[in-house]
Amino acid sequence: MKMKTTLSLVAAAAVSLFSYGAMAQEKSRAEVKEEAKGQAKTGTAGEAGTAPTPKPKSTKARSDVKSEAAAAEKAGQIPSGEQTVKTAKPQSTKARADVKAETKDATKAGIPAGEQTQKK
């Protein structure tokens, strides 16, 4: 008797949980899609409404700005940024034959290629 009561209570709880999910939906998928399409057409998409459009930084035409910048650069009014000094890669002072001999000796000693320490 207790088993029947327990099973019926579990079944009733399961039915109530599943039916609540079905009842909780206010709109169907088609209704939500139509609403989204309407909002997209009017430009009011999103829950918070539309974000304000940012104002342009300048009201001048691009060609005017470019010509002013070119004139300022010719006049030397535009400061140049930090300039990097290119350094050449250090060149080896050893002869090629010496390097080959060192590599061969290191290979014989069991040191894998590329893991040798450079002597200064």
N, C-alpha and C. Protein backbone atom coordinates (compact mmCIF):
# COMPACT_ATOMS: atom_id res chain seq x y z
N MET A 1 0.82 -1.18 0.00
CA MET A 1 0.00 0.00 0.00
C MET A 1 0.87 1.25 0.00
N LYS A 2 1.90 1.26 0.83
CA LYS A 2 2.78 2.43 0.88
C LYS A 2 3.49 2.64 -0.45
N MET A 3 3.83 1.56 -1.13
CA MET A 3 4.53 1.68 -2.41
C MET A 3 3.65 2.36 -3.44
N LYS A 4 2.34 2.02 -3.46
CA LYS A 4 1.43 2.64 -4.40
C LYS A 4 1.31 4.13 -4.12
N THR A 5 1.23 4.49 -2.87
CA THR A 5 1.10 5.89 -2.48
C THR A 5 2.36 6.67 -2.85
N THR A 6 3.51 6.07 -2.60
CA THR A 6 4.77 6.73 -2.92
C THR A 6 4.91 6.92 -4.42
N LEU A 7 4.58 5.90 -5.18
CA LEU A 7 4.66 6.00 -6.63
C LEU A 7 3.70 7.05 -7.18
N SER A 8 2.54 7.10 -6.64
CA SER A 8 1.57 8.08 -7.14
C SER A 8 2.00 9.49 -6.78
N LEU A 9 2.61 9.67 -5.61
CA LEU A 9 3.11 11.00 -5.23
C LEU A 9 4.27 11.42 -6.14
N VAL A 10 5.17 10.49 -6.45
CA VAL A 10 6.29 10.79 -7.34
C VAL A 10 5.77 11.13 -8.73
N ALA A 11 4.80 10.37 -9.20
CA ALA A 11 4.23 10.64 -10.52
C ALA A 11 3.54 12.00 -10.55
N ALA A 12 2.82 12.32 -9.49
CA ALA A 12 2.13 13.61 -9.43
C ALA A 12 3.13 14.77 -9.40
N ALA A 13 4.23 14.58 -8.69
CA ALA A 13 5.26 15.62 -8.63
C ALA A 13 5.90 15.80 -10.00
N ALA A 14 6.17 14.70 -10.69
CA ALA A 14 6.78 14.78 -12.02
C ALA A 14 5.85 15.48 -13.00
N VAL A 15 4.59 15.16 -12.95
CA VAL A 15 3.62 15.78 -13.85
C VAL A 15 3.53 17.27 -13.57
N SER A 16 3.53 17.65 -12.31
CA SER A 16 3.41 19.07 -11.97
C SER A 16 4.66 19.84 -12.41
N LEU A 17 5.83 19.23 -12.29
CA LEU A 17 7.06 19.90 -12.73
C LEU A 17 7.07 20.11 -14.24
N PHE A 18 6.70 19.08 -14.99
CA PHE A 18 6.71 19.20 -16.45
C PHE A 18 5.60 20.12 -16.95
N SER A 19 4.47 20.10 -16.32
CA SER A 19 3.38 20.96 -16.78
C SER A 19 3.67 22.41 -16.45
N TYR A 20 4.40 22.67 -15.37
CA TYR A 20 4.77 24.06 -15.04
C TYR A 20 5.65 24.66 -16.12
N GLY A 21 6.60 23.88 -16.64
CA GLY A 21 7.47 24.36 -17.72
C GLY A 21 6.68 24.69 -18.97
N ALA A 22 5.68 23.89 -19.28
CA ALA A 22 4.87 24.15 -20.46
C ALA A 22 3.97 25.36 -20.25
N MET A 23 3.49 25.56 -19.03
CA MET A 23 2.60 26.69 -18.75
C MET A 23 3.39 27.99 -18.60
N ALA A 24 4.66 27.90 -18.26
CA ALA A 24 5.45 29.10 -17.99
C ALA A 24 5.74 29.89 -19.26
N GLN A 25 5.67 29.26 -20.43
CA GLN A 25 5.95 29.97 -21.67
C GLN A 25 4.77 30.87 -22.00
N GLU A 26 5.08 32.15 -22.12
CA GLU A 26 4.02 33.10 -22.42
C GLU A 26 3.78 33.20 -23.92
N LYS A 27 4.85 33.13 -24.71
CA LYS A 27 4.74 33.30 -26.14
C LYS A 27 5.30 32.08 -26.85
N SER A 28 4.76 31.81 -28.01
CA SER A 28 5.30 30.71 -28.80
C SER A 28 6.54 31.19 -29.53
N ARG A 29 7.25 30.26 -30.10
CA ARG A 29 8.48 30.60 -30.84
C ARG A 29 8.17 31.50 -32.02
N ALA A 30 7.10 31.23 -32.71
CA ALA A 30 6.72 32.03 -33.87
C ALA A 30 6.40 33.47 -33.45
N GLU A 31 5.73 33.62 -32.31
CA GLU A 31 5.40 34.97 -31.83
C GLU A 31 6.67 35.76 -31.47
N VAL A 32 7.62 35.07 -30.86
CA VAL A 32 8.87 35.73 -30.48
C VAL A 32 9.64 36.14 -31.74
N LYS A 33 9.66 35.27 -32.75
CA LYS A 33 10.35 35.58 -33.99
C LYS A 33 9.73 36.79 -34.68
N GLU A 34 8.41 36.84 -34.74
CA GLU A 34 7.72 37.97 -35.36
C GLU A 34 8.03 39.27 -34.62
N GLU A 35 8.05 39.19 -33.30
CA GLU A 35 8.34 40.38 -32.50
C GLU A 35 9.77 40.87 -32.76
N ALA A 36 10.71 39.93 -32.87
CA ALA A 36 12.10 40.29 -33.13
C ALA A 36 12.25 40.92 -34.51
N LYS A 37 11.53 40.38 -35.49
CA LYS A 37 11.58 40.96 -36.84
C LYS A 37 11.06 42.38 -36.83
N GLY A 38 9.96 42.59 -36.12
CA GLY A 38 9.38 43.94 -36.05
C GLY A 38 10.33 44.91 -35.37
N GLN A 39 11.00 44.47 -34.32
CA GLN A 39 11.95 45.35 -33.62
C GLN A 39 13.15 45.64 -34.49
N ALA A 40 13.59 44.66 -35.26
CA ALA A 40 14.75 44.88 -36.12
C ALA A 40 14.42 45.89 -37.21
N LYS A 41 13.19 45.85 -37.74
CA LYS A 41 12.79 46.79 -38.78
C LYS A 41 12.70 48.22 -38.24
N THR A 42 12.21 48.36 -37.02
CA THR A 42 12.06 49.70 -36.46
C THR A 42 13.33 50.19 -35.80
N GLY A 43 14.29 49.30 -35.59
CA GLY A 43 15.56 49.70 -34.97
C GLY A 43 15.50 49.72 -33.47
N THR A 44 14.54 49.04 -32.87
CA THR A 44 14.45 48.99 -31.41
C THR A 44 14.74 47.60 -30.90
N ALA A 45 15.63 46.88 -31.55
CA ALA A 45 15.96 45.52 -31.14
C ALA A 45 16.70 45.53 -29.82
N GLY A 46 16.47 44.52 -29.02
CA GLY A 46 17.14 44.40 -27.73
C GLY A 46 16.22 44.84 -26.62
N GLU A 47 16.45 44.31 -25.44
CA GLU A 47 15.58 44.61 -24.31
C GLU A 47 15.81 46.00 -23.77
N ALA A 48 17.05 46.49 -23.82
CA ALA A 48 17.37 47.78 -23.23
C ALA A 48 17.13 48.92 -24.22
N GLY A 49 16.65 48.60 -25.40
CA GLY A 49 16.44 49.65 -26.39
C GLY A 49 17.70 49.85 -27.20
N THR A 50 17.72 50.90 -27.96
CA THR A 50 18.87 51.14 -28.81
C THR A 50 19.93 51.93 -28.06
N ALA A 51 21.15 51.63 -28.35
CA ALA A 51 22.26 52.35 -27.76
C ALA A 51 22.44 53.66 -28.53
N PRO A 52 22.81 54.72 -27.86
CA PRO A 52 23.01 55.98 -28.58
C PRO A 52 24.18 55.86 -29.54
N THR A 53 24.02 56.42 -30.72
CA THR A 53 25.10 56.35 -31.70
C THR A 53 26.18 57.36 -31.31
N PRO A 54 27.43 56.94 -31.36
CA PRO A 54 28.51 57.86 -30.98
C PRO A 54 28.65 58.97 -32.01
N LYS A 55 28.96 60.15 -31.51
CA LYS A 55 29.17 61.29 -32.40
C LYS A 55 30.52 61.15 -33.08
N PRO A 56 30.62 61.60 -34.31
CA PRO A 56 31.93 61.54 -34.97
C PRO A 56 32.92 62.45 -34.26
N LYS A 57 34.19 62.06 -34.30
CA LYS A 57 35.21 62.83 -33.60
C LYS A 57 35.48 64.16 -34.29
N SER A 58 35.26 64.20 -35.57
CA SER A 58 35.55 65.42 -36.31
C SER A 58 34.41 65.69 -37.28
N THR A 59 34.19 66.95 -37.55
CA THR A 59 33.15 67.31 -38.51
C THR A 59 33.76 67.64 -39.86
N LYS A 60 35.09 67.62 -39.95
CA LYS A 60 35.78 67.94 -41.20
C LYS A 60 35.75 66.74 -42.14
N ALA A 61 35.85 67.03 -43.41
CA ALA A 61 35.92 65.96 -44.40
C ALA A 61 37.30 65.31 -44.34
N ARG A 62 37.36 64.08 -44.74
CA ARG A 62 38.61 63.34 -44.66
C ARG A 62 39.69 63.98 -45.54
N SER A 63 39.30 64.44 -46.71
CA SER A 63 40.29 65.06 -47.59
C SER A 63 40.89 66.32 -46.97
N ASP A 64 40.07 67.10 -46.25
CA ASP A 64 40.58 68.29 -45.57
C ASP A 64 41.59 67.91 -44.49
N VAL A 65 41.26 66.90 -43.73
CA VAL A 65 42.15 66.47 -42.65
C VAL A 65 43.47 65.97 -43.22
N LYS A 66 43.40 65.21 -44.31
CA LYS A 66 44.62 64.70 -44.93
C LYS A 66 45.50 65.81 -45.45
N SER A 67 44.89 66.82 -46.07
CA SER A 67 45.69 67.92 -46.61
C SER A 67 46.32 68.74 -45.48
N GLU A 68 45.59 68.93 -44.38
CA GLU A 68 46.15 69.65 -43.22
C GLU A 68 47.31 68.87 -42.62
N ALA A 69 47.18 67.56 -42.52
CA ALA A 69 48.24 66.73 -41.95
C ALA A 69 49.48 66.76 -42.83
N ALA A 70 49.28 66.72 -44.14
CA ALA A 70 50.42 66.78 -45.06
C ALA A 70 51.14 68.11 -44.94
N ALA A 71 50.38 69.20 -44.82
CA ALA A 71 51.00 70.52 -44.68
C ALA A 71 51.76 70.63 -43.35
N ALA A 72 51.19 70.07 -42.27
CA ALA A 72 51.86 70.12 -40.97
C ALA A 72 53.14 69.29 -40.99
N GLU A 73 53.11 68.17 -41.69
CA GLU A 73 54.31 67.33 -41.76
C GLU A 73 55.42 68.02 -42.55
N LYS A 74 55.05 68.70 -43.62
CA LYS A 74 56.04 69.43 -44.41
C LYS A 74 56.65 70.56 -43.59
N ALA A 75 55.84 71.20 -42.75
CA ALA A 75 56.32 72.30 -41.93
C ALA A 75 57.12 71.80 -40.72
N GLY A 76 57.09 70.49 -40.46
CA GLY A 76 57.84 69.95 -39.33
C GLY A 76 57.11 70.08 -38.02
N GLN A 77 55.82 70.24 -38.04
CA GLN A 77 55.06 70.43 -36.81
C GLN A 77 54.63 69.11 -36.17
N ILE A 78 54.73 68.03 -36.90
CA ILE A 78 54.34 66.73 -36.37
C ILE A 78 55.58 66.06 -35.81
N PRO A 79 55.61 65.79 -34.50
CA PRO A 79 56.78 65.14 -33.92
C PRO A 79 56.82 63.67 -34.33
N SER A 80 58.02 63.20 -34.56
CA SER A 80 58.16 61.79 -34.93
C SER A 80 58.24 60.96 -33.66
N GLY A 81 57.81 59.73 -33.75
CA GLY A 81 57.81 58.84 -32.60
C GLY A 81 59.20 58.33 -32.30
N GLU A 82 59.26 57.46 -31.32
CA GLU A 82 60.55 56.87 -30.95
C GLU A 82 61.06 56.04 -32.12
N GLN A 83 62.31 56.20 -32.41
CA GLN A 83 62.89 55.45 -33.51
C GLN A 83 63.72 54.32 -32.93
N THR A 84 63.51 53.16 -33.47
CA THR A 84 64.27 52.01 -33.00
C THR A 84 65.54 51.88 -33.81
N VAL A 85 66.59 51.51 -33.12
CA VAL A 85 67.87 51.32 -33.78
C VAL A 85 67.98 49.85 -34.14
N LYS A 86 68.18 49.61 -35.41
CA LYS A 86 68.31 48.22 -35.84
C LYS A 86 69.73 47.77 -35.58
N THR A 87 69.83 46.67 -34.86
CA THR A 87 71.15 46.13 -34.59
C THR A 87 71.32 44.86 -35.42
N ALA A 88 72.50 44.70 -35.93
CA ALA A 88 72.78 43.53 -36.74
C ALA A 88 72.97 42.32 -35.83
N LYS A 89 72.66 41.16 -36.35
CA LYS A 89 72.85 39.94 -35.58
C LYS A 89 74.35 39.75 -35.37
N PRO A 90 74.73 39.26 -34.21
CA PRO A 90 76.16 39.06 -33.97
C PRO A 90 76.72 38.00 -34.92
N GLN A 91 77.82 38.34 -35.53
CA GLN A 91 78.47 37.43 -36.46
C GLN A 91 79.51 36.61 -35.71
N SER A 92 79.63 35.38 -36.07
CA SER A 92 80.61 34.51 -35.45
C SER A 92 82.00 34.87 -35.96
N THR A 93 82.96 34.78 -35.07
CA THR A 93 84.35 35.07 -35.47
C THR A 93 85.11 33.78 -35.77
N LYS A 94 84.45 32.64 -35.60
CA LYS A 94 85.11 31.36 -35.84
C LYS A 94 85.00 30.99 -37.31
N ALA A 95 85.95 30.22 -37.74
CA ALA A 95 85.91 29.70 -39.11
C ALA A 95 84.88 28.59 -39.19
N ARG A 96 84.35 28.39 -40.37
CA ARG A 96 83.31 27.39 -40.58
C ARG A 96 83.81 25.99 -40.22
N ALA A 97 85.03 25.71 -40.54
CA ALA A 97 85.60 24.39 -40.25
C ALA A 97 85.67 24.16 -38.74
N ASP A 98 86.01 25.21 -37.98
CA ASP A 98 86.08 25.08 -36.52
C ASP A 98 84.70 24.78 -35.92
N VAL A 99 83.70 25.46 -36.43
CA VAL A 99 82.34 25.25 -35.94
C VAL A 99 81.88 23.84 -36.25
N LYS A 100 82.19 23.36 -37.45
CA LYS A 100 81.81 22.00 -37.83
C LYS A 100 82.51 20.98 -36.94
N ALA A 101 83.76 21.25 -36.62
CA ALA A 101 84.52 20.32 -35.77
C ALA A 101 83.92 20.28 -34.36
N GLU A 102 83.55 21.44 -33.82
CA GLU A 102 82.94 21.49 -32.49
C GLU A 102 81.62 20.73 -32.47
N THR A 103 80.83 20.90 -33.51
CA THR A 103 79.55 20.21 -33.59
C THR A 103 79.75 18.70 -33.66
N LYS A 104 80.72 18.28 -34.43
CA LYS A 104 81.00 16.86 -34.57
C LYS A 104 81.45 16.27 -33.24
N ASP A 105 82.30 17.00 -32.51
CA ASP A 105 82.76 16.53 -31.20
C ASP A 105 81.60 16.45 -30.20
N ALA A 106 80.73 17.44 -30.23
CA ALA A 106 79.59 17.45 -29.32
C ALA A 106 78.64 16.30 -29.62
N THR A 107 78.46 15.98 -30.88
CA THR A 107 77.59 14.88 -31.27
C THR A 107 78.17 13.56 -30.78
N LYS A 108 79.49 13.42 -30.89
CA LYS A 108 80.14 12.21 -30.39
C LYS A 108 80.01 12.10 -28.88
N ALA A 109 80.02 13.25 -28.19
CA ALA A 109 79.92 13.26 -26.73
C ALA A 109 78.50 13.02 -26.25
N GLY A 110 77.52 13.02 -27.17
CA GLY A 110 76.14 12.73 -26.78
C GLY A 110 75.29 13.96 -26.55
N ILE A 111 75.79 15.12 -26.88
CA ILE A 111 75.00 16.34 -26.72
C ILE A 111 74.18 16.53 -27.99
N PRO A 112 72.84 16.60 -27.87
CA PRO A 112 72.01 16.81 -29.07
C PRO A 112 72.32 18.15 -29.72
N ALA A 113 72.09 18.22 -31.01
CA ALA A 113 72.37 19.45 -31.76
C ALA A 113 71.48 20.58 -31.25
N GLY A 114 72.03 21.75 -31.14
CA GLY A 114 71.30 22.92 -30.71
C GLY A 114 71.31 23.16 -29.21
N GLU A 115 71.85 22.23 -28.43
CA GLU A 115 71.87 22.39 -26.99
C GLU A 115 73.26 22.69 -26.46
N GLN A 116 74.15 23.04 -27.32
CA GLN A 116 75.50 23.38 -26.89
C GLN A 116 75.50 24.79 -26.33
N THR A 117 76.32 25.02 -25.35
CA THR A 117 76.44 26.37 -24.83
C THR A 117 77.51 27.10 -25.61
N GLN A 118 77.24 28.35 -25.90
CA GLN A 118 78.21 29.12 -26.68
C GLN A 118 79.28 29.65 -25.75
N LYS A 119 80.52 29.55 -26.20
CA LYS A 119 81.65 30.09 -25.43
C LYS A 119 81.92 31.50 -25.92
N LYS A 120 82.15 32.37 -24.97
CA LYS A 120 82.41 33.76 -25.33
C LYS A 120 83.84 34.12 -25.13
